[in-house]
mmCIF file of all heavy atoms, coordinates in Angstrom:
data_MODEL
# 
_entry.id   MODEL 
# 
loop_
_atom_site.group_PDB 
_atom_site.id 
_atom_site.type_symbol 
_atom_site.label_atom_id 
_atom_site.label_alt_id 
_atom_site.label_comp_id 
_atom_site.label_asym_id 
_atom_site.label_entity_id 
_atom_site.label_seq_id 
_atom_site.pdbx_PDB_ins_code 
_atom_site.Cartn_x 
_atom_site.Cartn_y 
_atom_site.Cartn_z 
_atom_site.occupancy 
_atom_site.B_iso_or_equiv 
_atom_site.pdbx_formal_charge 
_atom_site.auth_seq_id 
_atom_site.auth_comp_id 
_atom_site.auth_asym_id 
_atom_site.auth_atom_id 
_atom_site.pdbx_PDB_model_num 
ATOM 1   N N   . LEU A 1 1  ? 24.257 169.284 -50.842 1.00 0.00 ? 1  LEU A N   1 
ATOM 2   C CA  . LEU A 1 1  ? 25.255 168.504 -51.018 1.00 0.00 ? 1  LEU A CA  1 
ATOM 3   C C   . LEU A 1 1  ? 25.894 167.870 -49.711 1.00 0.00 ? 1  LEU A C   1 
ATOM 4   O O   . LEU A 1 1  ? 26.857 167.329 -49.699 1.00 0.00 ? 1  LEU A O   1 
ATOM 5   C CB  . LEU A 1 1  ? 26.336 169.044 -51.791 1.00 0.00 ? 1  LEU A CB  1 
ATOM 6   C CG  . LEU A 1 1  ? 26.056 169.296 -53.348 1.00 0.00 ? 1  LEU A CG  1 
ATOM 7   C CD1 . LEU A 1 1  ? 27.212 169.986 -54.016 1.00 0.00 ? 1  LEU A CD1 1 
ATOM 8   C CD2 . LEU A 1 1  ? 25.771 167.940 -53.928 1.00 0.00 ? 1  LEU A CD2 1 
ATOM 9   N N   . ILE A 1 2  ? 25.214 168.215 -48.584 1.00 0.00 ? 2  ILE A N   1 
ATOM 10  C CA  . ILE A 1 2  ? 25.727 167.882 -47.264 1.00 0.00 ? 2  ILE A CA  1 
ATOM 11  C C   . ILE A 1 2  ? 24.824 166.802 -46.698 1.00 0.00 ? 2  ILE A C   1 
ATOM 12  O O   . ILE A 1 2  ? 23.637 166.918 -46.659 1.00 0.00 ? 2  ILE A O   1 
ATOM 13  C CB  . ILE A 1 2  ? 25.852 169.075 -46.302 1.00 0.00 ? 2  ILE A CB  1 
ATOM 14  C CG1 . ILE A 1 2  ? 26.858 170.046 -46.968 1.00 0.00 ? 2  ILE A CG1 1 
ATOM 15  C CG2 . ILE A 1 2  ? 26.403 168.638 -45.021 1.00 0.00 ? 2  ILE A CG2 1 
ATOM 16  C CD1 . ILE A 1 2  ? 26.968 171.413 -46.158 1.00 0.00 ? 2  ILE A CD1 1 
ATOM 17  N N   . ASN A 1 3  ? 25.456 165.747 -46.144 1.00 0.00 ? 3  ASN A N   1 
ATOM 18  C CA  . ASN A 1 3  ? 24.681 164.682 -45.499 1.00 0.00 ? 3  ASN A CA  1 
ATOM 19  C C   . ASN A 1 3  ? 23.805 165.254 -44.490 1.00 0.00 ? 3  ASN A C   1 
ATOM 20  O O   . ASN A 1 3  ? 24.179 166.139 -43.741 1.00 0.00 ? 3  ASN A O   1 
ATOM 21  C CB  . ASN A 1 3  ? 25.612 163.623 -44.907 1.00 0.00 ? 3  ASN A CB  1 
ATOM 22  C CG  . ASN A 1 3  ? 24.836 162.492 -44.311 1.00 0.00 ? 3  ASN A CG  1 
ATOM 23  O OD1 . ASN A 1 3  ? 24.248 162.677 -43.196 1.00 0.00 ? 3  ASN A OD1 1 
ATOM 24  N ND2 . ASN A 1 3  ? 24.843 161.369 -44.894 1.00 0.00 ? 3  ASN A ND2 1 
ATOM 25  N N   . ALA A 1 4  ? 22.556 164.786 -44.358 1.00 0.00 ? 4  ALA A N   1 
ATOM 26  C CA  . ALA A 1 4  ? 21.591 165.349 -43.469 1.00 0.00 ? 4  ALA A CA  1 
ATOM 27  C C   . ALA A 1 4  ? 22.103 165.331 -41.920 1.00 0.00 ? 4  ALA A C   1 
ATOM 28  O O   . ALA A 1 4  ? 21.865 166.271 -41.235 1.00 0.00 ? 4  ALA A O   1 
ATOM 29  C CB  . ALA A 1 4  ? 20.298 164.603 -43.465 1.00 0.00 ? 4  ALA A CB  1 
ATOM 30  N N   . TRP A 1 5  ? 22.936 164.291 -41.574 1.00 0.00 ? 5  TRP A N   1 
ATOM 31  C CA  . TRP A 1 5  ? 23.480 164.309 -40.335 1.00 0.00 ? 5  TRP A CA  1 
ATOM 32  C C   . TRP A 1 5  ? 24.422 165.469 -40.016 1.00 0.00 ? 5  TRP A C   1 
ATOM 33  O O   . TRP A 1 5  ? 24.635 165.853 -38.808 1.00 0.00 ? 5  TRP A O   1 
ATOM 34  C CB  . TRP A 1 5  ? 24.272 162.916 -40.007 1.00 0.00 ? 5  TRP A CB  1 
ATOM 35  C CG  . TRP A 1 5  ? 23.302 161.869 -39.891 1.00 0.00 ? 5  TRP A CG  1 
ATOM 36  C CD1 . TRP A 1 5  ? 23.253 160.703 -40.679 1.00 0.00 ? 5  TRP A CD1 1 
ATOM 37  C CD2 . TRP A 1 5  ? 22.351 161.641 -38.843 1.00 0.00 ? 5  TRP A CD2 1 
ATOM 38  N NE1 . TRP A 1 5  ? 22.179 159.893 -40.245 1.00 0.00 ? 5  TRP A NE1 1 
ATOM 39  C CE2 . TRP A 1 5  ? 21.686 160.401 -39.108 1.00 0.00 ? 5  TRP A CE2 1 
ATOM 40  C CE3 . TRP A 1 5  ? 21.893 162.354 -37.762 1.00 0.00 ? 5  TRP A CE3 1 
ATOM 41  C CZ2 . TRP A 1 5  ? 20.588 159.878 -38.312 1.00 0.00 ? 5  TRP A CZ2 1 
ATOM 42  C CZ3 . TRP A 1 5  ? 20.888 161.898 -36.910 1.00 0.00 ? 5  TRP A CZ3 1 
ATOM 43  C CH2 . TRP A 1 5  ? 20.189 160.628 -37.222 1.00 0.00 ? 5  TRP A CH2 1 
ATOM 44  N N   . LEU A 1 6  ? 25.044 165.956 -40.969 1.00 0.00 ? 6  LEU A N   1 
ATOM 45  C CA  . LEU A 1 6  ? 25.962 166.997 -40.909 1.00 0.00 ? 6  LEU A CA  1 
ATOM 46  C C   . LEU A 1 6  ? 25.351 168.333 -40.751 1.00 0.00 ? 6  LEU A C   1 
ATOM 47  O O   . LEU A 1 6  ? 26.016 169.383 -40.374 1.00 0.00 ? 6  LEU A O   1 
ATOM 48  C CB  . LEU A 1 6  ? 27.085 167.045 -42.064 1.00 0.00 ? 6  LEU A CB  1 
ATOM 49  C CG  . LEU A 1 6  ? 28.022 165.764 -42.028 1.00 0.00 ? 6  LEU A CG  1 
ATOM 50  C CD1 . LEU A 1 6  ? 28.936 165.966 -43.252 1.00 0.00 ? 6  LEU A CD1 1 
ATOM 51  C CD2 . LEU A 1 6  ? 28.728 165.569 -40.765 1.00 0.00 ? 6  LEU A CD2 1 
ATOM 52  N N   . SER A 1 7  ? 24.147 168.405 -41.141 1.00 0.00 ? 7  SER A N   1 
ATOM 53  C CA  . SER A 1 7  ? 23.419 169.702 -41.125 1.00 0.00 ? 7  SER A CA  1 
ATOM 54  C C   . SER A 1 7  ? 22.936 169.950 -39.659 1.00 0.00 ? 7  SER A C   1 
ATOM 55  O O   . SER A 1 7  ? 22.988 171.126 -39.204 1.00 0.00 ? 7  SER A O   1 
ATOM 56  C CB  . SER A 1 7  ? 22.275 169.844 -42.018 1.00 0.00 ? 7  SER A CB  1 
ATOM 57  O OG  . SER A 1 7  ? 21.298 168.917 -41.723 1.00 0.00 ? 7  SER A OG  1 
ATOM 58  N N   . GLY A 1 8  ? 22.421 168.875 -39.021 1.00 0.00 ? 8  GLY A N   1 
ATOM 59  C CA  . GLY A 1 8  ? 22.079 168.986 -37.551 1.00 0.00 ? 8  GLY A CA  1 
ATOM 60  C C   . GLY A 1 8  ? 20.941 170.004 -37.329 1.00 0.00 ? 8  GLY A C   1 
ATOM 61  O O   . GLY A 1 8  ? 21.068 170.663 -36.215 1.00 0.00 ? 8  GLY A O   1 
ATOM 62  N N   . ASP A 1 9  ? 20.167 170.284 -38.264 1.00 0.00 ? 9  ASP A N   1 
ATOM 63  C CA  . ASP A 1 9  ? 19.108 171.383 -38.013 1.00 0.00 ? 9  ASP A CA  1 
ATOM 64  C C   . ASP A 1 9  ? 17.679 170.815 -37.882 1.00 0.00 ? 9  ASP A C   1 
ATOM 65  O O   . ASP A 1 9  ? 17.045 170.561 -38.888 1.00 0.00 ? 9  ASP A O   1 
ATOM 66  C CB  . ASP A 1 9  ? 19.205 172.273 -39.255 1.00 0.00 ? 9  ASP A CB  1 
ATOM 67  C CG  . ASP A 1 9  ? 18.368 173.565 -38.950 1.00 0.00 ? 9  ASP A CG  1 
ATOM 68  O OD1 . ASP A 1 9  ? 17.713 173.639 -37.997 1.00 0.00 ? 9  ASP A OD1 1 
ATOM 69  O OD2 . ASP A 1 9  ? 18.423 174.482 -39.884 1.00 0.00 ? 9  ASP A OD2 1 
ATOM 70  N N   . SER A 1 10 ? 17.301 170.459 -36.691 1.00 0.00 ? 10 SER A N   1 
ATOM 71  C CA  . SER A 1 10 ? 16.022 169.919 -36.418 1.00 0.00 ? 10 SER A CA  1 
ATOM 72  C C   . SER A 1 10 ? 14.879 170.939 -36.600 1.00 0.00 ? 10 SER A C   1 
ATOM 73  O O   . SER A 1 10 ? 13.729 170.537 -36.819 1.00 0.00 ? 10 SER A O   1 
ATOM 74  C CB  . SER A 1 10 ? 15.955 169.321 -34.982 1.00 0.00 ? 10 SER A CB  1 
ATOM 75  O OG  . SER A 1 10 ? 16.397 170.316 -34.041 1.00 0.00 ? 10 SER A OG  1 
ATOM 76  N N   . SER A 1 11 ? 15.194 172.251 -36.558 1.00 0.00 ? 11 SER A N   1 
ATOM 77  C CA  . SER A 1 11 ? 14.216 173.295 -36.685 1.00 0.00 ? 11 SER A CA  1 
ATOM 78  C C   . SER A 1 11 ? 13.664 173.291 -38.069 1.00 0.00 ? 11 SER A C   1 
ATOM 79  O O   . SER A 1 11 ? 12.517 173.784 -38.222 1.00 0.00 ? 11 SER A O   1 
ATOM 80  C CB  . SER A 1 11 ? 14.878 174.607 -36.307 1.00 0.00 ? 11 SER A CB  1 
ATOM 81  O OG  . SER A 1 11 ? 15.842 174.978 -37.254 1.00 0.00 ? 11 SER A OG  1 
ATOM 82  N N   . LYS A 1 12 ? 14.292 172.822 -39.046 1.00 0.00 ? 12 LYS A N   1 
ATOM 83  C CA  . LYS A 1 12 ? 13.859 172.850 -40.441 1.00 0.00 ? 12 LYS A CA  1 
ATOM 84  C C   . LYS A 1 12 ? 13.224 171.529 -40.823 1.00 0.00 ? 12 LYS A C   1 
ATOM 85  O O   . LYS A 1 12 ? 13.011 171.188 -41.993 1.00 0.00 ? 12 LYS A O   1 
ATOM 86  C CB  . LYS A 1 12 ? 15.044 173.194 -41.407 1.00 0.00 ? 12 LYS A CB  1 
ATOM 87  C CG  . LYS A 1 12 ? 15.500 174.646 -41.321 1.00 0.00 ? 12 LYS A CG  1 
ATOM 88  C CD  . LYS A 1 12 ? 16.608 174.949 -42.266 1.00 0.00 ? 12 LYS A CD  1 
ATOM 89  C CE  . LYS A 1 12 ? 17.174 176.394 -42.025 1.00 0.00 ? 12 LYS A CE  1 
ATOM 90  N NZ  . LYS A 1 12 ? 18.288 176.660 -42.931 1.00 0.00 ? 12 LYS A NZ  1 
ATOM 91  N N   . GLY A 1 13 ? 13.017 170.685 -39.878 1.00 0.00 ? 13 GLY A N   1 
ATOM 92  C CA  . GLY A 1 13 ? 12.368 169.427 -40.087 1.00 0.00 ? 13 GLY A CA  1 
ATOM 93  C C   . GLY A 1 13 ? 13.363 168.325 -40.595 1.00 0.00 ? 13 GLY A C   1 
ATOM 94  O O   . GLY A 1 13 ? 12.868 167.285 -41.119 1.00 0.00 ? 13 GLY A O   1 
ATOM 95  N N   . ARG A 1 14 ? 14.550 168.583 -40.596 1.00 0.00 ? 14 ARG A N   1 
ATOM 96  C CA  . ARG A 1 14 ? 15.519 167.630 -41.160 1.00 0.00 ? 14 ARG A CA  1 
ATOM 97  C C   . ARG A 1 14 ? 15.682 166.461 -40.232 1.00 0.00 ? 14 ARG A C   1 
ATOM 98  O O   . ARG A 1 14 ? 15.989 165.366 -40.555 1.00 0.00 ? 14 ARG A O   1 
ATOM 99  C CB  . ARG A 1 14 ? 16.900 168.252 -41.369 1.00 0.00 ? 14 ARG A CB  1 
ATOM 100 C CG  . ARG A 1 14 ? 16.968 169.172 -42.671 1.00 0.00 ? 14 ARG A CG  1 
ATOM 101 C CD  . ARG A 1 14 ? 18.296 169.858 -42.656 1.00 0.00 ? 14 ARG A CD  1 
ATOM 102 N NE  . ARG A 1 14 ? 18.455 170.569 -43.964 1.00 0.00 ? 14 ARG A NE  1 
ATOM 103 C CZ  . ARG A 1 14 ? 18.917 170.047 -45.055 1.00 0.00 ? 14 ARG A CZ  1 
ATOM 104 N NH1 . ARG A 1 14 ? 19.354 168.809 -45.087 1.00 0.00 ? 14 ARG A NH1 1 
ATOM 105 N NH2 . ARG A 1 14 ? 18.959 170.707 -46.125 1.00 0.00 ? 14 ARG A NH2 1 
ATOM 106 N N   . LEU A 1 15 ? 15.551 166.700 -38.859 1.00 0.00 ? 15 LEU A N   1 
ATOM 107 C CA  . LEU A 1 15 ? 15.710 165.680 -37.883 1.00 0.00 ? 15 LEU A CA  1 
ATOM 108 C C   . LEU A 1 15 ? 14.456 165.533 -37.036 1.00 0.00 ? 15 LEU A C   1 
ATOM 109 O O   . LEU A 1 15 ? 13.932 166.545 -36.554 1.00 0.00 ? 15 LEU A O   1 
ATOM 110 C CB  . LEU A 1 15 ? 16.897 165.908 -36.979 1.00 0.00 ? 15 LEU A CB  1 
ATOM 111 C CG  . LEU A 1 15 ? 18.294 165.786 -37.517 1.00 0.00 ? 15 LEU A CG  1 
ATOM 112 C CD1 . LEU A 1 15 ? 19.377 166.289 -36.496 1.00 0.00 ? 15 LEU A CD1 1 
ATOM 113 C CD2 . LEU A 1 15 ? 18.590 164.285 -37.923 1.00 0.00 ? 15 LEU A CD2 1 
ATOM 114 N N   . GLU A 1 16 ? 14.025 164.281 -36.904 1.00 0.00 ? 16 GLU A N   1 
ATOM 115 C CA  . GLU A 1 16 ? 12.822 164.025 -36.044 1.00 0.00 ? 16 GLU A CA  1 
ATOM 116 C C   . GLU A 1 16 ? 13.266 163.092 -35.028 1.00 0.00 ? 16 GLU A C   1 
ATOM 117 O O   . GLU A 1 16 ? 14.095 162.162 -35.102 1.00 0.00 ? 16 GLU A O   1 
ATOM 118 C CB  . GLU A 1 16 ? 11.680 163.346 -36.839 1.00 0.00 ? 16 GLU A CB  1 
ATOM 119 C CG  . GLU A 1 16 ? 11.145 164.276 -37.984 1.00 0.00 ? 16 GLU A CG  1 
ATOM 120 C CD  . GLU A 1 16 ? 10.199 163.580 -38.828 1.00 0.00 ? 16 GLU A CD  1 
ATOM 121 O OE1 . GLU A 1 16 ? 9.912  162.460 -38.449 1.00 0.00 ? 16 GLU A OE1 1 
ATOM 122 O OE2 . GLU A 1 16 ? 9.679  164.156 -39.856 1.00 0.00 ? 16 GLU A OE2 1 
ATOM 123 N N   . THR A 1 17 ? 12.880 163.385 -33.683 1.00 0.00 ? 17 THR A N   1 
ATOM 124 C CA  . THR A 1 17 ? 13.219 162.432 -32.609 1.00 0.00 ? 17 THR A CA  1 
ATOM 125 C C   . THR A 1 17 ? 11.935 161.832 -32.024 1.00 0.00 ? 17 THR A C   1 
ATOM 126 O O   . THR A 1 17 ? 10.966 162.530 -31.938 1.00 0.00 ? 17 THR A O   1 
ATOM 127 C CB  . THR A 1 17 ? 13.978 163.202 -31.465 1.00 0.00 ? 17 THR A CB  1 
ATOM 128 O OG1 . THR A 1 17 ? 13.136 164.310 -31.072 1.00 0.00 ? 17 THR A OG1 1 
ATOM 129 C CG2 . THR A 1 17 ? 15.284 163.734 -32.074 1.00 0.00 ? 17 THR A CG2 1 
ATOM 130 N N   . THR A 1 18 ? 12.082 160.604 -31.534 1.00 0.00 ? 18 THR A N   1 
ATOM 131 C CA  . THR A 1 18 ? 10.940 159.896 -31.036 1.00 0.00 ? 18 THR A CA  1 
ATOM 132 C C   . THR A 1 18 ? 11.439 159.186 -29.674 1.00 0.00 ? 18 THR A C   1 
ATOM 133 O O   . THR A 1 18 ? 12.557 158.522 -29.752 1.00 0.00 ? 18 THR A O   1 
ATOM 134 C CB  . THR A 1 18 ? 10.340 158.872 -31.947 1.00 0.00 ? 18 THR A CB  1 
ATOM 135 O OG1 . THR A 1 18 ? 10.089 159.432 -33.154 1.00 0.00 ? 18 THR A OG1 1 
ATOM 136 C CG2 . THR A 1 18 ? 9.142  158.145 -31.368 1.00 0.00 ? 18 THR A CG2 1 
ATOM 137 N N   . HIS A 1 19 ? 10.607 159.314 -28.532 1.00 0.00 ? 19 HIS A N   1 
ATOM 138 C CA  . HIS A 1 19 ? 10.949 158.649 -27.385 1.00 0.00 ? 19 HIS A CA  1 
ATOM 139 C C   . HIS A 1 19 ? 10.533 157.180 -27.500 1.00 0.00 ? 19 HIS A C   1 
ATOM 140 O O   . HIS A 1 19 ? 9.388  156.914 -27.890 1.00 0.00 ? 19 HIS A O   1 
ATOM 141 C CB  . HIS A 1 19 ? 10.267 159.321 -26.163 1.00 0.00 ? 19 HIS A CB  1 
ATOM 142 C CG  . HIS A 1 19 ? 10.975 160.448 -25.696 1.00 0.00 ? 19 HIS A CG  1 
ATOM 143 N ND1 . HIS A 1 19 ? 12.011 160.504 -24.731 1.00 0.00 ? 19 HIS A ND1 1 
ATOM 144 C CD2 . HIS A 1 19 ? 10.877 161.767 -26.092 1.00 0.00 ? 19 HIS A CD2 1 
ATOM 145 C CE1 . HIS A 1 19 ? 12.344 161.704 -24.544 1.00 0.00 ? 19 HIS A CE1 1 
ATOM 146 N NE2 . HIS A 1 19 ? 11.765 162.530 -25.389 1.00 0.00 ? 19 HIS A NE2 1 
ATOM 147 N N   . MET A 1 20 ? 11.501 156.235 -27.378 1.00 0.00 ? 20 MET A N   1 
ATOM 148 C CA  . MET A 1 20 ? 11.116 154.804 -27.634 1.00 0.00 ? 20 MET A CA  1 
ATOM 149 C C   . MET A 1 20 ? 10.746 154.051 -26.345 1.00 0.00 ? 20 MET A C   1 
ATOM 150 O O   . MET A 1 20 ? 10.270 152.901 -26.451 1.00 0.00 ? 20 MET A O   1 
ATOM 151 C CB  . MET A 1 20 ? 12.438 154.162 -28.149 1.00 0.00 ? 20 MET A CB  1 
ATOM 152 C CG  . MET A 1 20 ? 12.861 154.767 -29.512 1.00 0.00 ? 20 MET A CG  1 
ATOM 153 S SD  . MET A 1 20 ? 11.527 154.609 -30.823 1.00 0.00 ? 20 MET A SD  1 
ATOM 154 C CE  . MET A 1 20 ? 11.481 152.938 -31.036 1.00 0.00 ? 20 MET A CE  1 
ATOM 155 N N   . LEU A 1 21 ? 10.774 154.647 -25.182 1.00 0.00 ? 21 LEU A N   1 
ATOM 156 C CA  . LEU A 1 21 ? 10.357 153.878 -23.927 1.00 0.00 ? 21 LEU A CA  1 
ATOM 157 C C   . LEU A 1 21 ? 9.013  154.546 -23.491 1.00 0.00 ? 21 LEU A C   1 
ATOM 158 O O   . LEU A 1 21 ? 8.929  155.849 -23.691 1.00 0.00 ? 21 LEU A O   1 
ATOM 159 C CB  . LEU A 1 21 ? 11.429 153.991 -22.895 1.00 0.00 ? 21 LEU A CB  1 
ATOM 160 C CG  . LEU A 1 21 ? 12.681 153.248 -23.220 1.00 0.00 ? 21 LEU A CG  1 
ATOM 161 C CD1 . LEU A 1 21 ? 13.711 153.331 -22.016 1.00 0.00 ? 21 LEU A CD1 1 
ATOM 162 C CD2 . LEU A 1 21 ? 12.432 151.760 -23.426 1.00 0.00 ? 21 LEU A CD2 1 
ATOM 163 N N   . PRO A 1 22 ? 8.164  153.777 -22.867 1.00 0.00 ? 22 PRO A N   1 
ATOM 164 C CA  . PRO A 1 22 ? 6.831  154.321 -22.497 1.00 0.00 ? 22 PRO A CA  1 
ATOM 165 C C   . PRO A 1 22 ? 6.957  155.446 -21.590 1.00 0.00 ? 22 PRO A C   1 
ATOM 166 O O   . PRO A 1 22 ? 6.082  156.352 -21.603 1.00 0.00 ? 22 PRO A O   1 
ATOM 167 C CB  . PRO A 1 22 ? 6.149  153.090 -21.908 1.00 0.00 ? 22 PRO A CB  1 
ATOM 168 C CG  . PRO A 1 22 ? 7.295  152.096 -21.569 1.00 0.00 ? 22 PRO A CG  1 
ATOM 169 C CD  . PRO A 1 22 ? 8.306  152.282 -22.539 1.00 0.00 ? 22 PRO A CD  1 
ATOM 170 N N   . SER A 1 23 ? 7.865  155.430 -20.626 1.00 0.00 ? 23 SER A N   1 
ATOM 171 C CA  . SER A 1 23 ? 7.972  156.590 -19.635 1.00 0.00 ? 23 SER A CA  1 
ATOM 172 C C   . SER A 1 23 ? 9.452  156.637 -19.281 1.00 0.00 ? 23 SER A C   1 
ATOM 173 O O   . SER A 1 23 ? 10.182 155.790 -19.480 1.00 0.00 ? 23 SER A O   1 
ATOM 174 C CB  . SER A 1 23 ? 7.117  156.330 -18.433 1.00 0.00 ? 23 SER A CB  1 
ATOM 175 O OG  . SER A 1 23 ? 7.532  155.124 -17.829 1.00 0.00 ? 23 SER A OG  1 
ATOM 176 N N   . GLN A 1 24 ? 9.808  157.769 -18.711 1.00 0.00 ? 24 GLN A N   1 
ATOM 177 C CA  . GLN A 1 24 ? 11.141 157.897 -18.146 1.00 0.00 ? 24 GLN A CA  1 
ATOM 178 C C   . GLN A 1 24 ? 11.373 156.828 -17.045 1.00 0.00 ? 24 GLN A C   1 
ATOM 179 O O   . GLN A 1 24 ? 10.612 156.603 -16.208 1.00 0.00 ? 24 GLN A O   1 
ATOM 180 C CB  . GLN A 1 24 ? 11.377 159.287 -17.416 1.00 0.00 ? 24 GLN A CB  1 
ATOM 181 C CG  . GLN A 1 24 ? 11.140 160.485 -18.461 1.00 0.00 ? 24 GLN A CG  1 
ATOM 182 C CD  . GLN A 1 24 ? 12.293 160.677 -19.427 1.00 0.00 ? 24 GLN A CD  1 
ATOM 183 O OE1 . GLN A 1 24 ? 12.300 160.131 -20.481 1.00 0.00 ? 24 GLN A OE1 1 
ATOM 184 N NE2 . GLN A 1 24 ? 13.319 161.389 -19.073 1.00 0.00 ? 24 GLN A NE2 1 
ATOM 185 N N   . THR A 1 25 ? 12.505 156.137 -17.266 1.00 0.00 ? 25 THR A N   1 
ATOM 186 C CA  . THR A 1 25 ? 12.772 155.112 -16.333 1.00 0.00 ? 25 THR A CA  1 
ATOM 187 C C   . THR A 1 25 ? 14.156 155.347 -15.650 1.00 0.00 ? 25 THR A C   1 
ATOM 188 O O   . THR A 1 25 ? 14.660 156.404 -15.779 1.00 0.00 ? 25 THR A O   1 
ATOM 189 C CB  . THR A 1 25 ? 12.743 153.718 -17.102 1.00 0.00 ? 25 THR A CB  1 
ATOM 190 O OG1 . THR A 1 25 ? 13.144 152.618 -16.269 1.00 0.00 ? 25 THR A OG1 1 
ATOM 191 C CG2 . THR A 1 25 ? 13.696 153.712 -18.294 1.00 0.00 ? 25 THR A CG2 1 
ATOM 192 N N   . LEU A 1 26 ? 14.747 154.293 -14.990 1.00 0.00 ? 26 LEU A N   1 
ATOM 193 C CA  . LEU A 1 26 ? 16.035 154.509 -14.515 1.00 0.00 ? 26 LEU A CA  1 
ATOM 194 C C   . LEU A 1 26 ? 16.970 154.467 -15.655 1.00 0.00 ? 26 LEU A C   1 
ATOM 195 O O   . LEU A 1 26 ? 16.610 154.195 -16.785 1.00 0.00 ? 26 LEU A O   1 
ATOM 196 C CB  . LEU A 1 26 ? 16.404 153.335 -13.613 1.00 0.00 ? 26 LEU A CB  1 
ATOM 197 C CG  . LEU A 1 26 ? 15.577 153.305 -12.255 1.00 0.00 ? 26 LEU A CG  1 
ATOM 198 C CD1 . LEU A 1 26 ? 15.848 151.943 -11.494 1.00 0.00 ? 26 LEU A CD1 1 
ATOM 199 C CD2 . LEU A 1 26 ? 15.899 154.414 -11.397 1.00 0.00 ? 26 LEU A CD2 1 
ATOM 200 N N   . SER A 1 27 ? 18.278 154.813 -15.493 1.00 0.00 ? 27 SER A N   1 
ATOM 201 C CA  . SER A 1 27 ? 19.307 155.043 -16.543 1.00 0.00 ? 27 SER A CA  1 
ATOM 202 C C   . SER A 1 27 ? 19.246 153.876 -17.497 1.00 0.00 ? 27 SER A C   1 
ATOM 203 O O   . SER A 1 27 ? 19.165 152.711 -17.261 1.00 0.00 ? 27 SER A O   1 
ATOM 204 C CB  . SER A 1 27 ? 20.688 155.024 -15.858 1.00 0.00 ? 27 SER A CB  1 
ATOM 205 O OG  . SER A 1 27 ? 21.637 155.052 -16.896 1.00 0.00 ? 27 SER A OG  1 
ATOM 206 N N   . VAL A 1 28 ? 19.208 154.292 -18.769 1.00 0.00 ? 28 VAL A N   1 
ATOM 207 C CA  . VAL A 1 28 ? 19.308 153.281 -19.972 1.00 0.00 ? 28 VAL A CA  1 
ATOM 208 C C   . VAL A 1 28 ? 20.805 153.211 -20.252 1.00 0.00 ? 28 VAL A C   1 
ATOM 209 O O   . VAL A 1 28 ? 21.342 154.208 -20.794 1.00 0.00 ? 28 VAL A O   1 
ATOM 210 C CB  . VAL A 1 28 ? 18.417 153.705 -21.133 1.00 0.00 ? 28 VAL A CB  1 
ATOM 211 C CG1 . VAL A 1 28 ? 18.530 152.659 -22.225 1.00 0.00 ? 28 VAL A CG1 1 
ATOM 212 C CG2 . VAL A 1 28 ? 16.953 153.924 -20.652 1.00 0.00 ? 28 VAL A CG2 1 
# 
């Protein structure tokens, strides 16, 4: 009953992160 953003548990596969730039660049 808790919104997925409030669980904040990436270890259980609730959150997935993707790098959107081809390589580390100067400050975005």
